[in-house]
Amino acid sequence: MAPLLLDLAVLYRALAFGADGDLDPAESDAMRTALEAWAPGEDPAGVDHALREAALVDARRTALEAVLDRVRNRLGASGRAQVLADLRRVARADGRVTQGEEDLIHLIERALGPESAEA
């Protein structure tokens, strides 16, 4: 499993579960779809593994900043913009976007840099 895939799984799960304490099946599906797009042609078991590993990470206790630093350093502006688009899709997947989800998306957007919002 690629380190980037795990970092993205941690971010997507932090949004889908951590922001409101509920992981809706539609959010799970949206996370899987987004992660599969980051791993074209790879064995789907790699995405399953990333999701399982991300579930073991307590984003509140893990330095989310470190994950964001790694993502920012591994991706160009268009990749960072794709991460934000993925996060917005995951947040909307269950039919509602909570204030906690909005707040986390804005925090991530600031951490990834202003150019990621424009790409």
C-alpha atoms as a PDB file:
ATOM      1  CA  MET A   1       0.000   0.000   0.000  1.00  0.00           C
ATOM      2  CA  ALA A   2       1.327   3.401  -0.976  1.00  0.00           C
ATOM      3  CA  PRO A   3       1.926   5.828   1.910  1.00  0.00           C
ATOM      4  CA  LEU A   4      -0.112   8.498   0.100  1.00  0.00           C
ATOM      5  CA  LEU A   5      -3.117   6.165  -0.065  1.00  0.00           C
ATOM      6  CA  LEU A   6      -3.008   5.639   3.698  1.00  0.00           C
ATOM      7  CA  ASP A   7      -2.658   9.379   4.359  1.00  0.00           C
ATOM      8  CA  LEU A   8      -5.642  10.102   2.120  1.00  0.00           C
ATOM      9  CA  ALA A   9      -7.667   7.364   3.827  1.00  0.00           C
ATOM     10  CA  VAL A  10      -6.871   8.959   7.201  1.00  0.00           C
ATOM     11  CA  LEU A  11      -8.001  12.393   5.931  1.00  0.00           C
ATOM     12  CA  TYR A  12     -11.187  11.091   4.320  1.00  0.00           C
ATOM     13  CA  ARG A  13     -12.086   9.060   7.409  1.00  0.00           C
ATOM     14  CA  ALA A  14     -11.312  11.985   9.731  1.00  0.00           C
ATOM     15  CA  LEU A  15     -13.881  13.943   7.765  1.00  0.00           C
ATOM     16  CA  ALA A  16     -16.492  11.217   7.317  1.00  0.00           C
ATOM     17  CA  PHE A  17     -16.370   9.827  10.843  1.00  0.00           C
ATOM     18  CA  GLY A  18     -14.437  12.214  13.032  1.00  0.00           C
ATOM     19  CA  ALA A  19     -16.361  15.381  12.204  1.00  0.00           C
ATOM     20  CA  ASP A  20     -19.731  14.038  13.348  1.00  0.00           C
ATOM     21  CA  GLY A  21     -18.980  10.666  14.977  1.00  0.00           C
ATOM     22  CA  ASP A  22     -21.074   8.797  12.415  1.00  0.00           C
ATOM     23  CA  LEU A  23     -19.902   6.858   9.362  1.00  0.00           C
ATOM     24  CA  ASP A  24     -22.804   6.565   6.969  1.00  0.00           C
ATOM     25  CA  PRO A  25     -22.614   3.744   4.368  1.00  0.00           C
ATOM     26  CA  ALA A  26     -22.836   6.362   1.604  1.00  0.00           C
ATOM     27  CA  GLU A  27     -19.771   8.113   3.082  1.00  0.00           C
ATOM     28  CA  SER A  28     -17.921   4.783   3.178  1.00  0.00           C
ATOM     29  CA  ASP A  29     -18.763   4.214  -0.485  1.00  0.00           C
ATOM     30  CA  ALA A  30     -17.626   7.740  -1.383  1.00  0.00           C
ATOM     31  CA  MET A  31     -14.319   7.214   0.455  1.00  0.00           C
ATOM     32  CA  ARG A  32     -13.716   3.928  -1.344  1.00  0.00           C
ATOM     33  CA  THR A  33     -14.494   5.466  -4.744  1.00  0.00           C
ATOM     34  CA  ALA A  34     -12.188   8.410  -4.089  1.00  0.00           C
ATOM     35  CA  LEU A  35      -9.345   6.176  -2.929  1.00  0.00           C
ATOM     36  CA  GLU A  36      -9.751   3.812  -5.881  1.00  0.00           C
ATOM     37  CA  ALA A  37      -9.279   6.807  -8.187  1.00  0.00           C
ATOM     38  CA  TRP A  38      -5.921   7.472  -6.496  1.00  0.00           C
ATOM     39  CA  ALA A  39      -4.826   3.864  -7.115  1.00  0.00           C
ATOM     40  CA  PRO A  40      -5.800   3.096 -10.726  1.00  0.00           C
ATOM     41  CA  GLY A  41      -4.960  -0.399 -11.834  1.00  0.00           C
ATOM     42  CA  GLU A  42      -3.974  -1.512  -8.333  1.00  0.00           C
ATOM     43  CA  ASP A  43      -5.473  -4.432  -6.499  1.00  0.00           C
ATOM     44  CA  PRO A  44      -8.666  -3.278  -4.701  1.00  0.00           C
ATOM     45  CA  ALA A  45      -7.319  -5.051  -1.619  1.00  0.00           C
ATOM     46  CA  GLY A  46      -4.878  -2.133  -1.261  1.00  0.00           C
ATOM     47  CA  VAL A  47      -7.789   0.272  -0.827  1.00  0.00           C
ATOM     48  CA  ASP A  48      -9.433  -2.114   1.654  1.00  0.00           C
ATOM     49  CA  HIS A  49      -6.179  -2.265   3.590  1.00  0.00           C
ATOM     50  CA  ALA A  50      -5.822   1.539   3.617  1.00  0.00           C
ATOM     51  CA  LEU A  51      -9.384   1.909   4.920  1.00  0.00           C
ATOM     52  CA  ARG A  52      -8.796  -0.686   7.653  1.00  0.00           C
ATOM     53  CA  GLU A  53      -5.553   0.985   8.696  1.00  0.00           C
ATOM     54  CA  ALA A  54      -7.190   4.426   8.678  1.00  0.00           C
ATOM     55  CA  ALA A  55      -9.907   3.085  10.977  1.00  0.00           C
ATOM     56  CA  LEU A  56      -7.192   2.248  13.509  1.00  0.00           C
ATOM     57  CA  VAL A  57      -5.859   5.810  13.483  1.00  0.00           C
ATOM     58  CA  ASP A  58      -7.448   8.196  15.946  1.00  0.00           C
ATOM     59  CA  ALA A  59      -7.114  11.444  13.995  1.00  0.00           C
ATOM     60  CA  ARG A  60      -7.604  13.448  17.174  1.00  0.00           C
ATOM     61  CA  ARG A  61      -4.585  11.782  18.742  1.00  0.00           C
ATOM     62  CA  THR A  62      -2.525  11.569  15.590  1.00  0.00           C
ATOM     63  CA  ALA A  63      -0.909  14.730  14.413  1.00  0.00           C
ATOM     64  CA  LEU A  64      -3.259  15.480  11.547  1.00  0.00           C
ATOM     65  CA  GLU A  65      -0.822  18.235  10.678  1.00  0.00           C
ATOM     66  CA  ALA A  66       1.824  15.603   9.880  1.00  0.00           C
ATOM     67  CA  VAL A  67      -0.562  13.817   7.506  1.00  0.00           C
ATOM     68  CA  LEU A  68      -1.411  17.144   5.854  1.00  0.00           C
ATOM     69  CA  ASP A  69       2.282  18.029   5.519  1.00  0.00           C
ATOM     70  CA  ARG A  70       2.977  14.711   3.788  1.00  0.00           C
ATOM     71  CA  VAL A  71       0.007  15.127   1.429  1.00  0.00           C
ATOM     72  CA  ARG A  72       0.997  18.727   0.626  1.00  0.00           C
ATOM     73  CA  ASN A  73       4.589  17.651  -0.087  1.00  0.00           C
ATOM     74  CA  ARG A  74       3.614  14.646  -2.245  1.00  0.00           C
ATOM     75  CA  LEU A  75       1.003  16.362  -4.416  1.00  0.00           C
ATOM     76  CA  GLY A  76       1.042  19.314  -6.751  1.00  0.00           C
ATOM     77  CA  ALA A  77      -1.693  21.943  -6.801  1.00  0.00           C
ATOM     78  CA  SER A  78      -4.008  19.858  -8.996  1.00  0.00           C
ATOM     79  CA  GLY A  79      -3.630  16.810  -6.729  1.00  0.00           C
ATOM     80  CA  ARG A  80      -4.331  18.906  -3.642  1.00  0.00           C
ATOM     81  CA  ALA A  81      -7.392  20.364  -5.375  1.00  0.00           C
ATOM     82  CA  GLN A  82      -8.539  16.799  -6.101  1.00  0.00           C
ATOM     83  CA  VAL A  83      -8.184  15.905  -2.405  1.00  0.00           C
ATOM     84  CA  LEU A  84     -10.430  18.857  -1.496  1.00  0.00           C
ATOM     85  CA  ALA A  85     -12.967  17.847  -4.155  1.00  0.00           C
ATOM     86  CA  ASP A  86     -12.917  14.292  -2.762  1.00  0.00           C
ATOM     87  CA  LEU A  87     -13.487  15.603   0.766  1.00  0.00           C
ATOM     88  CA  ARG A  88     -16.451  17.684  -0.356  1.00  0.00           C
ATOM     89  CA  ARG A  89     -17.939  14.653  -2.149  1.00  0.00           C
ATOM     90  CA  VAL A  90     -17.478  12.466   0.929  1.00  0.00           C
ATOM     91  CA  ALA A  91     -19.076  15.128   3.141  1.00  0.00           C
ATOM     92  CA  ARG A  92     -22.134  15.375   0.844  1.00  0.00           C
ATOM     93  CA  ALA A  93     -22.480  11.609   0.367  1.00  0.00           C
ATOM     94  CA  ASP A  94     -24.930  11.128   3.235  1.00  0.00           C
ATOM     95  CA  GLY A  95     -27.126  14.011   2.089  1.00  0.00           C
ATOM     96  CA  ARG A  96     -26.005  16.505   4.712  1.00  0.00           C
ATOM     97  CA  VAL A  97     -22.857  18.470   5.464  1.00  0.00           C
ATOM     98  CA  THR A  98     -22.387  19.218   9.146  1.00  0.00           C
ATOM     99  CA  GLN A  99     -20.677  22.305  10.501  1.00  0.00           C
ATOM    100  CA  GLY A 100     -17.898  20.044  11.801  1.00  0.00           C
ATOM    101  CA  GLU A 101     -17.330  18.668   8.304  1.00  0.00           C
ATOM    102  CA  GLU A 102     -17.277  22.194   6.835  1.00  0.00           C
ATOM    103  CA  ASP A 103     -14.830  23.330   9.509  1.00  0.00           C
ATOM    104  CA  LEU A 104     -12.510  20.385   8.865  1.00  0.00           C
ATOM    105  CA  ILE A 105     -12.601  20.936   5.097  1.00  0.00           C
ATOM    106  CA  HIS A 106     -11.639  24.594   5.623  1.00  0.00           C
ATOM    107  CA  LEU A 107      -8.823  23.609   7.984  1.00  0.00           C
ATOM    108  CA  ILE A 108      -7.496  21.116   5.433  1.00  0.00           C
ATOM    109  CA  GLU A 109      -7.847  23.661   2.630  1.00  0.00           C
ATOM    110  CA  ARG A 110      -5.750  26.173   4.585  1.00  0.00           C
ATOM    111  CA  ALA A 111      -3.163  23.496   5.433  1.00  0.00           C
ATOM    112  CA  LEU A 112      -2.812  22.342   1.819  1.00  0.00           C
ATOM    113  CA  GLY A 113      -2.250  25.884   0.630  1.00  0.00           C
ATOM    114  CA  PRO A 114      -4.289  28.489  -1.206  1.00  0.00           C
ATOM    115  CA  GLU A 115      -3.280  27.277  -4.657  1.00  0.00           C
ATOM    116  CA  SER A 116      -5.048  23.954  -4.042  1.00  0.00           C
ATOM    117  CA  ALA A 117      -8.410  25.726  -3.831  1.00  0.00           C
ATOM    118  CA  GLU A 118      -7.850  27.460  -7.169  1.00  0.00           C
ATOM    119  CA  ALA A 119      -6.607  24.532  -9.239  1.00  0.00           C
END
